[in-house]
Amino acid sequence: MKERIQKDMIEAMKAHDKKKTDTIKSVKAAIQMEEIKAKRDLTDEEIMNIIVKQVKMRKDALSDFEKAGRNDLVDSYNEEINILNEYLPKQLTDEEVNVIIDEAFELIKPTSQSDMGKIMKEVLPKLKARAYADMGKVNQIIKNKLSKI
């Protein structure tokens, strides 16, 4: 993964694609920071988690920019998110996520909101094994289903 990021950064620099170059540099910096903290090279999964965090940070900022009417920044951040999404596996659809959550509900048979942890414990490995999913959305779906119990 690190090699791909490095190669893409060089290609972006040669193409004079400033947005892509800057976005990749920010990810590389975040990876280097984590490697310094861990005092070792990161695995591809750890690097992917860093990229997911970078996407989440940008998505969180988007709502603030939209409220402030800063369409220039909204467009810029959307472009960065698209660049970062190239490094992530295909995101699961809402239907695929719902199937996994429904399976967990059938298995655990939750009785209240306090069973949220049990559901998440069952769902997380299945989501990570299949592909990338927006955990905020997953969390909200589970809460909604639990509130109907």
N, C-alpha and C. Protein backbone atom coordinates (compact mmCIF):
# COMPACT_ATOMS: atom_id res chain seq x y z
N MET A 1 0.84 -1.19 0.00
CA MET A 1 0.00 0.00 0.00
C MET A 1 0.88 1.26 0.00
N LYS A 2 1.92 1.24 0.84
CA LYS A 2 2.80 2.41 0.90
C LYS A 2 3.48 2.66 -0.45
N GLU A 3 3.86 1.57 -1.12
CA GLU A 3 4.52 1.70 -2.41
C GLU A 3 3.56 2.32 -3.43
N ARG A 4 2.31 1.89 -3.39
CA ARG A 4 1.31 2.43 -4.32
C ARG A 4 1.11 3.93 -4.07
N ILE A 5 1.03 4.30 -2.80
CA ILE A 5 0.85 5.71 -2.45
C ILE A 5 2.03 6.54 -2.95
N GLN A 6 3.24 6.02 -2.72
CA GLN A 6 4.45 6.72 -3.17
C GLN A 6 4.47 6.86 -4.69
N LYS A 7 4.14 5.78 -5.39
CA LYS A 7 4.13 5.79 -6.86
C LYS A 7 3.08 6.80 -7.37
N ASP A 8 1.91 6.79 -6.76
CA ASP A 8 0.85 7.72 -7.18
C ASP A 8 1.24 9.17 -6.93
N MET A 9 1.95 9.41 -5.83
CA MET A 9 2.38 10.77 -5.54
C MET A 9 3.37 11.25 -6.61
N ILE A 10 4.29 10.40 -6.99
CA ILE A 10 5.27 10.77 -8.01
C ILE A 10 4.56 11.05 -9.33
N GLU A 11 3.59 10.20 -9.69
CA GLU A 11 2.84 10.40 -10.93
C GLU A 11 2.06 11.73 -10.88
N ALA A 12 1.45 12.02 -9.73
CA ALA A 12 0.69 13.27 -9.58
C ALA A 12 1.62 14.48 -9.69
N MET A 13 2.81 14.35 -9.13
CA MET A 13 3.77 15.45 -9.21
C MET A 13 4.21 15.67 -10.66
N LYS A 14 4.47 14.57 -11.38
CA LYS A 14 4.88 14.69 -12.78
C LYS A 14 3.77 15.29 -13.63
N ALA A 15 2.52 14.97 -13.28
CA ALA A 15 1.38 15.48 -14.03
C ALA A 15 0.99 16.89 -13.59
N HIS A 16 1.70 17.43 -12.60
CA HIS A 16 1.41 18.75 -12.04
C HIS A 16 -0.01 18.84 -11.50
N ASP A 17 -0.47 17.74 -10.92
CA ASP A 17 -1.79 17.67 -10.29
C ASP A 17 -1.62 18.05 -8.82
N LYS A 18 -1.73 19.34 -8.55
CA LYS A 18 -1.45 19.86 -7.21
C LYS A 18 -2.40 19.28 -6.16
N LYS A 19 -3.68 19.17 -6.48
CA LYS A 19 -4.66 18.67 -5.51
C LYS A 19 -4.33 17.23 -5.11
N LYS A 20 -4.06 16.39 -6.10
CA LYS A 20 -3.76 14.99 -5.81
C LYS A 20 -2.44 14.87 -5.05
N THR A 21 -1.46 15.65 -5.47
CA THR A 21 -0.15 15.63 -4.80
C THR A 21 -0.31 16.03 -3.33
N ASP A 22 -1.01 17.13 -3.08
CA ASP A 22 -1.19 17.60 -1.70
C ASP A 22 -1.98 16.61 -0.86
N THR A 23 -2.99 16.01 -1.44
CA THR A 23 -3.82 15.04 -0.70
C THR A 23 -2.98 13.82 -0.33
N ILE A 24 -2.22 13.31 -1.28
CA ILE A 24 -1.39 12.13 -1.01
C ILE A 24 -0.31 12.47 0.00
N LYS A 25 0.27 13.67 -0.10
CA LYS A 25 1.29 14.08 0.88
C LYS A 25 0.71 14.12 2.29
N SER A 26 -0.53 14.58 2.43
CA SER A 26 -1.12 14.64 3.77
C SER A 26 -1.34 13.23 4.33
N VAL A 27 -1.71 12.30 3.47
CA VAL A 27 -1.87 10.91 3.91
C VAL A 27 -0.52 10.31 4.28
N LYS A 28 0.48 10.57 3.45
CA LYS A 28 1.82 10.06 3.76
C LYS A 28 2.31 10.59 5.11
N ALA A 29 2.03 11.87 5.37
CA ALA A 29 2.45 12.46 6.65
C ALA A 29 1.73 11.77 7.81
N ALA A 30 0.44 11.49 7.65
CA ALA A 30 -0.31 10.81 8.71
C ALA A 30 0.24 9.40 8.93
N ILE A 31 0.61 8.72 7.85
CA ILE A 31 1.17 7.37 7.97
C ILE A 31 2.51 7.43 8.69
N GLN A 32 3.35 8.39 8.30
CA GLN A 32 4.65 8.53 8.95
C GLN A 32 4.52 8.83 10.44
N MET A 33 3.55 9.66 10.79
CA MET A 33 3.33 9.97 12.21
C MET A 33 2.98 8.70 12.98
N GLU A 34 2.09 7.89 12.42
CA GLU A 34 1.69 6.64 13.08
C GLU A 34 2.85 5.66 13.16
N GLU A 35 3.69 5.62 12.14
CA GLU A 35 4.85 4.73 12.16
C GLU A 35 5.84 5.16 13.23
N ILE A 36 5.98 6.46 13.40
CA ILE A 36 6.88 6.96 14.45
C ILE A 36 6.33 6.58 15.82
N LYS A 37 5.01 6.74 16.00
CA LYS A 37 4.39 6.36 17.28
C LYS A 37 4.54 4.87 17.53
N ALA A 38 4.32 4.06 16.49
CA ALA A 38 4.36 2.61 16.65
C ALA A 38 5.79 2.07 16.63
N LYS A 39 6.73 2.87 16.15
CA LYS A 39 8.14 2.48 16.03
C LYS A 39 8.31 1.24 15.16
N ARG A 40 7.50 1.17 14.10
CA ARG A 40 7.58 0.07 13.14
C ARG A 40 6.83 0.47 11.88
N ASP A 41 7.01 -0.32 10.83
CA ASP A 41 6.24 -0.11 9.61
C ASP A 41 4.81 -0.57 9.85
N LEU A 42 3.86 0.15 9.28
CA LEU A 42 2.45 -0.21 9.45
C LEU A 42 2.03 -1.25 8.41
N THR A 43 1.04 -2.05 8.78
CA THR A 43 0.49 -3.02 7.85
C THR A 43 -0.45 -2.29 6.89
N ASP A 44 -0.80 -2.98 5.81
CA ASP A 44 -1.73 -2.39 4.84
C ASP A 44 -3.07 -2.07 5.51
N GLU A 45 -3.51 -2.93 6.43
CA GLU A 45 -4.79 -2.68 7.11
C GLU A 45 -4.70 -1.42 7.98
N GLU A 46 -3.58 -1.24 8.66
CA GLU A 46 -3.40 -0.03 9.48
C GLU A 46 -3.36 1.22 8.60
N ILE A 47 -2.72 1.11 7.45
CA ILE A 47 -2.67 2.24 6.52
C ILE A 47 -4.07 2.54 6.01
N MET A 48 -4.83 1.50 5.72
CA MET A 48 -6.20 1.70 5.26
C MET A 48 -7.03 2.40 6.34
N ASN A 49 -6.82 2.04 7.60
CA ASN A 49 -7.54 2.69 8.70
C ASN A 49 -7.18 4.17 8.77
N ILE A 50 -5.94 4.51 8.50
CA ILE A 50 -5.53 5.92 8.49
C ILE A 50 -6.25 6.66 7.36
N ILE A 51 -6.33 6.02 6.21
CA ILE A 51 -7.02 6.65 5.07
C ILE A 51 -8.50 6.83 5.39
N VAL A 52 -9.10 5.83 6.04
CA VAL A 52 -10.51 5.95 6.44
C VAL A 52 -10.68 7.15 7.37
N LYS A 53 -9.76 7.32 8.31
CA LYS A 53 -9.83 8.47 9.23
C LYS A 53 -9.69 9.79 8.47
N GLN A 54 -8.81 9.81 7.48
CA GLN A 54 -8.62 11.02 6.68
C GLN A 54 -9.91 11.37 5.92
N VAL A 55 -10.57 10.35 5.37
CA VAL A 55 -11.84 10.57 4.67
C VAL A 55 -12.89 11.09 5.65
N LYS A 56 -12.95 10.47 6.82
CA LYS A 56 -13.94 10.87 7.84
C LYS A 56 -13.72 12.32 8.26
N MET A 57 -12.47 12.72 8.46
CA MET A 57 -12.17 14.10 8.84
C MET A 57 -12.69 15.07 7.78
N ARG A 58 -12.48 14.73 6.55
CA ARG A 58 -12.92 15.62 5.46
C ARG A 58 -14.44 15.65 5.37
N LYS A 59 -15.08 14.50 5.55
CA LYS A 59 -16.55 14.46 5.51
C LYS A 59 -17.14 15.28 6.66
N ASP A 60 -16.52 15.19 7.83
CA ASP A 60 -17.00 15.97 8.98
C ASP A 60 -16.89 17.47 8.70
N ALA A 61 -15.81 17.87 8.06
CA ALA A 61 -15.60 19.29 7.75
C ALA A 61 -16.57 19.77 6.67
N LEU A 62 -16.99 18.86 5.79
CA LEU A 62 -17.90 19.23 4.69
C LEU A 62 -19.18 19.88 5.19
N SER A 63 -19.78 19.29 6.23
CA SER A 63 -21.06 19.83 6.73
C SER A 63 -20.87 21.26 7.25
N ASP A 64 -19.75 21.52 7.90
CA ASP A 64 -19.48 22.88 8.39
C ASP A 64 -19.32 23.86 7.23
N PHE A 65 -18.61 23.42 6.19
CA PHE A 65 -18.41 24.30 5.03
C PHE A 65 -19.73 24.56 4.31
N GLU A 66 -20.58 23.53 4.22
CA GLU A 66 -21.87 23.70 3.56
C GLU A 66 -22.73 24.70 4.32
N LYS A 67 -22.72 24.62 5.66
CA LYS A 67 -23.50 25.55 6.49
C LYS A 67 -22.99 26.98 6.31
N ALA A 68 -21.69 27.12 6.14
CA ALA A 68 -21.09 28.44 5.99
C ALA A 68 -21.17 28.96 4.56
N GLY A 69 -21.69 28.13 3.65
CA GLY A 69 -21.81 28.55 2.27
C GLY A 69 -20.48 28.61 1.52
N ARG A 70 -19.52 27.85 2.00
CA ARG A 70 -18.19 27.84 1.37
C ARG A 70 -18.11 26.74 0.32
N ASN A 71 -18.78 26.96 -0.80
CA ASN A 71 -18.85 25.95 -1.85
C ASN A 71 -17.49 25.63 -2.44
N ASP A 72 -16.56 26.61 -2.42
CA ASP A 72 -15.22 26.35 -2.92
C ASP A 72 -14.54 25.26 -2.09
N LEU A 73 -14.69 25.35 -0.77
CA LEU A 73 -14.09 24.34 0.10
C LEU A 73 -14.83 23.01 0.03
N VAL A 74 -16.14 23.07 -0.17
CA VAL A 74 -16.93 21.83 -0.32
C VAL A 74 -16.43 21.07 -1.54
N ASP A 75 -16.27 21.77 -2.65
CA ASP A 75 -15.78 21.13 -3.88
C ASP A 75 -14.37 20.58 -3.68
N SER A 76 -13.53 21.34 -3.03
CA SER A 76 -12.15 20.93 -2.79
C SER A 76 -12.09 19.67 -1.94
N TYR A 77 -12.87 19.65 -0.87
CA TYR A 77 -12.87 18.49 0.03
C TYR A 77 -13.49 17.27 -0.64
N ASN A 78 -14.52 17.48 -1.45
CA ASN A 78 -15.10 16.35 -2.20
C ASN A 78 -14.08 15.75 -3.14
N GLU A 79 -13.28 16.59 -3.76
CA GLU A 79 -12.23 16.10 -4.66
C GLU A 79 -11.20 15.29 -3.87
N GLU A 80 -10.82 15.78 -2.69
CA GLU A 80 -9.86 15.05 -1.84
C GLU A 80 -10.45 13.70 -1.40
N ILE A 81 -11.72 13.69 -1.05
CA ILE A 81 -12.38 12.44 -0.63
C ILE A 81 -12.35 11.44 -1.78
N ASN A 82 -12.62 11.91 -2.99
CA ASN A 82 -12.59 11.02 -4.16
C ASN A 82 -11.20 10.45 -4.39
N ILE A 83 -10.18 11.26 -4.20
CA ILE A 83 -8.79 10.80 -4.35
C ILE A 83 -8.49 9.73 -3.31
N LEU A 84 -8.87 9.97 -2.06
CA LEU A 84 -8.60 9.01 -0.99
C LEU A 84 -9.39 7.72 -1.16
N ASN A 85 -10.61 7.83 -1.68
CA ASN A 85 -11.43 6.63 -1.87
C ASN A 85 -10.82 5.65 -2.86
N GLU A 86 -9.91 6.12 -3.71
CA GLU A 86 -9.22 5.23 -4.65
C GLU A 86 -8.38 4.18 -3.91
N TYR A 87 -7.98 4.48 -2.68
CA TYR A 87 -7.13 3.57 -1.92
C TYR A 87 -7.93 2.63 -1.02
N LEU A 88 -9.23 2.84 -0.97
CA LEU A 88 -10.08 2.02 -0.10
C LEU A 88 -10.79 0.97 -0.93
N PRO A 89 -11.09 -0.18 -0.31
CA PRO A 89 -11.88 -1.17 -1.05
C PRO A 89 -13.27 -0.64 -1.32
N LYS A 90 -13.97 -1.29 -2.20
CA LYS A 90 -15.32 -0.89 -2.55
C LYS A 90 -16.16 -0.81 -1.28
N GLN A 91 -16.93 0.26 -1.16
CA GLN A 91 -17.77 0.43 0.02
C GLN A 91 -19.03 -0.42 -0.13
N LEU A 92 -19.42 -1.06 0.97
CA LEU A 92 -20.63 -1.87 0.96
C LEU A 92 -21.86 -0.98 0.76
N THR A 93 -22.84 -1.51 0.06
CA THR A 93 -24.09 -0.77 -0.12
C THR A 93 -24.90 -0.85 1.17
N ASP A 94 -25.90 0.01 1.29
CA ASP A 94 -26.76 -0.01 2.47
C ASP A 94 -27.46 -1.36 2.60
N GLU A 95 -27.85 -1.95 1.47
CA GLU A 95 -28.53 -3.24 1.50
C GLU A 95 -27.61 -4.33 2.05
N GLU A 96 -26.33 -4.33 1.61
CA GLU A 96 -25.38 -5.32 2.08
C GLU A 96 -25.13 -5.16 3.58
N VAL A 97 -25.02 -3.93 4.04
CA VAL A 97 -24.82 -3.65 5.46
C VAL A 97 -26.04 -4.13 6.26
N ASN A 98 -27.23 -3.85 5.75
CA ASN A 98 -28.46 -4.27 6.43
C ASN A 98 -28.56 -5.78 6.55
N VAL A 99 -28.13 -6.50 5.53
CA VAL A 99 -28.16 -7.97 5.59
C VAL A 99 -27.26 -8.47 6.72
N ILE A 100 -26.07 -7.92 6.81
CA ILE A 100 -25.13 -8.32 7.86
C ILE A 100 -25.70 -7.98 9.24
N ILE A 101 -26.29 -6.81 9.39
CA ILE A 101 -26.88 -6.40 10.66
C ILE A 101 -28.07 -7.29 11.02
N ASP A 102 -28.91 -7.58 10.03
CA ASP A 102 -30.07 -8.46 10.28
C ASP A 102 -29.62 -9.84 10.74
N GLU A 103 -28.56 -10.36 10.14
CA GLU A 103 -28.03 -11.67 10.55
C GLU A 103 -27.57 -11.62 12.02
N ALA A 104 -26.92 -10.52 12.38
CA ALA A 104 -26.46 -10.37 13.77
C ALA A 104 -27.65 -10.29 14.73
N PHE A 105 -28.72 -9.60 14.32
CA PHE A 105 -29.91 -9.49 15.16
C PHE A 105 -30.56 -10.86 15.36
N GLU A 106 -30.61 -11.67 14.30
CA GLU A 106 -31.19 -13.01 14.41
C GLU A 106 -30.36 -13.88 15.34
N LEU A 107 -29.06 -13.75 15.27
CA LEU A 107 -28.17 -14.57 16.08
C LEU A 107 -28.22 -14.16 17.56
N ILE A 108 -28.17 -12.86 17.83
CA ILE A 108 -28.08 -12.36 19.21
C ILE A 108 -29.43 -12.17 19.86
N LYS A 109 -30.43 -11.85 19.07
CA LYS A 109 -31.78 -11.58 19.59
C LYS A 109 -31.73 -10.53 20.70
N PRO A 110 -31.35 -9.30 20.36
CA PRO A 110 -31.23 -8.24 21.37
C PRO A 110 -32.59 -7.89 21.98
N THR A 111 -32.54 -7.46 23.23
CA THR A 111 -33.77 -7.10 23.93
C THR A 111 -33.84 -5.62 24.26
N SER A 112 -32.70 -4.92 24.20
CA SER A 112 -32.71 -3.50 24.53
C SER A 112 -31.49 -2.81 23.92
N GLN A 113 -31.42 -1.48 24.13
CA GLN A 113 -30.30 -0.69 23.63
C GLN A 113 -28.97 -1.16 24.22
N SER A 114 -29.03 -1.77 25.40
CA SER A 114 -27.79 -2.20 26.05
C SER A 114 -27.10 -3.34 25.29
N ASP A 115 -27.78 -3.92 24.32
CA ASP A 115 -27.19 -4.99 23.52
C ASP A 115 -26.41 -4.46 22.31
N MET A 116 -26.29 -3.15 22.23
CA MET A 116 -25.57 -2.51 21.11
C MET A 116 -24.16 -3.08 20.97
N GLY A 117 -23.45 -3.22 22.07
CA GLY A 117 -22.07 -3.74 22.04
C GLY A 117 -22.00 -5.15 21.48
N LYS A 118 -22.95 -5.98 21.86
CA LYS A 118 -22.98 -7.36 21.37
C LYS A 118 -23.19 -7.38 19.85
N ILE A 119 -24.09 -6.54 19.39
CA ILE A 119 -24.37 -6.47 17.95
C ILE A 119 -23.12 -5.99 17.21
N MET A 120 -22.51 -4.92 17.70
CA MET A 120 -21.32 -4.37 17.05
C MET A 120 -20.20 -5.42 17.02
N LYS A 121 -20.05 -6.15 18.11
CA LYS A 121 -19.00 -7.18 18.19
C LYS A 121 -19.22 -8.25 17.13
N GLU A 122 -20.45 -8.54 16.83
CA GLU A 122 -20.79 -9.54 15.81
C GLU A 122 -20.64 -8.96 14.40
N VAL A 123 -21.00 -7.71 14.22
CA VAL A 123 -21.04 -7.09 12.90
C VAL A 123 -19.66 -6.67 12.40
N LEU A 124 -18.84 -6.09 13.27
CA LEU A 124 -17.55 -5.53 12.86
C LEU A 124 -16.67 -6.49 12.07
N PRO A 125 -16.41 -7.70 12.57
CA PRO A 125 -15.52 -8.59 11.80
C PRO A 125 -16.08 -8.93 10.41
N LYS A 126 -17.39 -9.06 10.31
CA LYS A 126 -17.99 -9.38 9.02
C LYS A 126 -17.86 -8.22 8.05
N LEU A 127 -18.02 -7.00 8.56
CA LEU A 127 -17.89 -5.82 7.70
C LEU A 127 -16.45 -5.66 7.23
N LYS A 128 -15.52 -5.82 8.15
CA LYS A 128 -14.11 -5.64 7.80
C LYS A 128 -13.63 -6.72 6.84
N ALA A 129 -14.18 -7.93 6.98
CA ALA A 129 -13.76 -9.03 6.12
C ALA A 129 -14.23 -8.84 4.69
N ARG A 130 -15.38 -8.20 4.52
CA ARG A 130 -15.97 -8.09 3.18
C ARG A 130 -15.50 -6.86 2.43
N ALA A 131 -15.54 -5.71 3.07
CA ALA A 131 -15.15 -4.47 2.40
C ALA A 131 -15.26 -3.33 3.39
N TYR A 132 -15.10 -2.14 2.89
CA TYR A 132 -15.13 -0.93 3.69
C TYR A 132 -16.58 -0.46 3.87
N ALA A 133 -16.93 -0.09 5.11
CA ALA A 133 -18.28 0.44 5.39
C ALA A 133 -18.16 1.68 6.26
N ASP A 134 -19.07 2.61 6.08
CA ASP A 134 -19.12 3.82 6.89
C ASP A 134 -19.66 3.44 8.26
N MET A 135 -18.79 3.42 9.26
CA MET A 135 -19.17 2.94 10.59
C MET A 135 -20.19 3.85 11.27
N GLY A 136 -20.19 5.11 10.94
CA GLY A 136 -21.20 6.02 11.48
C GLY A 136 -22.58 5.61 11.02
N LYS A 137 -22.66 5.26 9.75
CA LYS A 137 -23.93 4.83 9.17
C LYS A 137 -24.35 3.48 9.78
N VAL A 138 -23.39 2.56 9.94
CA VAL A 138 -23.67 1.25 10.53
C VAL A 138 -24.21 1.43 11.95
N ASN A 139 -23.55 2.27 12.71
CA ASN A 139 -23.96 2.56 14.09
C ASN A 139 -25.39 3.09 14.13
N GLN A 140 -25.71 4.01 13.21
CA GLN A 140 -27.05 4.60 13.17
C GLN A 140 -28.11 3.56 12.81
N ILE A 141 -27.80 2.68 11.87
CA ILE A 141 -28.75 1.63 11.47
C ILE A 141 -29.04 0.72 12.65
N ILE A 142 -28.00 0.34 13.37
CA ILE A 142 -28.18 -0.55 14.52
C ILE A 142 -29.01 0.14 15.60
N LYS A 143 -28.71 1.40 15.88
CA LYS A 143 -29.49 2.15 16.89
C LYS A 143 -30.95 2.23 16.50
N ASN A 144 -31.23 2.49 15.22
CA ASN A 144 -32.61 2.58 14.76
C ASN A 144 -33.33 1.24 14.95
N LYS A 145 -32.67 0.15 14.61
CA LYS A 145 -33.29 -1.17 14.76
C LYS A 145 -33.50 -1.51 16.24
N LEU A 146 -32.55 -1.13 17.08
CA LEU A 146 -32.70 -1.40 18.51
C LEU A 146 -33.84 -0.57 19.12
N SER A 147 -34.04 0.63 18.61
CA SER A 147 -35.09 1.49 19.17
C SER A 147 -36.49 0.94 18.85
N LYS A 148 -36.58 0.08 17.86
CA LYS A 148 -37.88 -0.50 17.49
C LYS A 148 -38.21 -1.78 18.25
N ILE A 149 -37.28 -2.19 19.11
CA ILE A 149 -37.51 -3.42 19.89
C ILE A 149 -38.42 -3.14 21.07
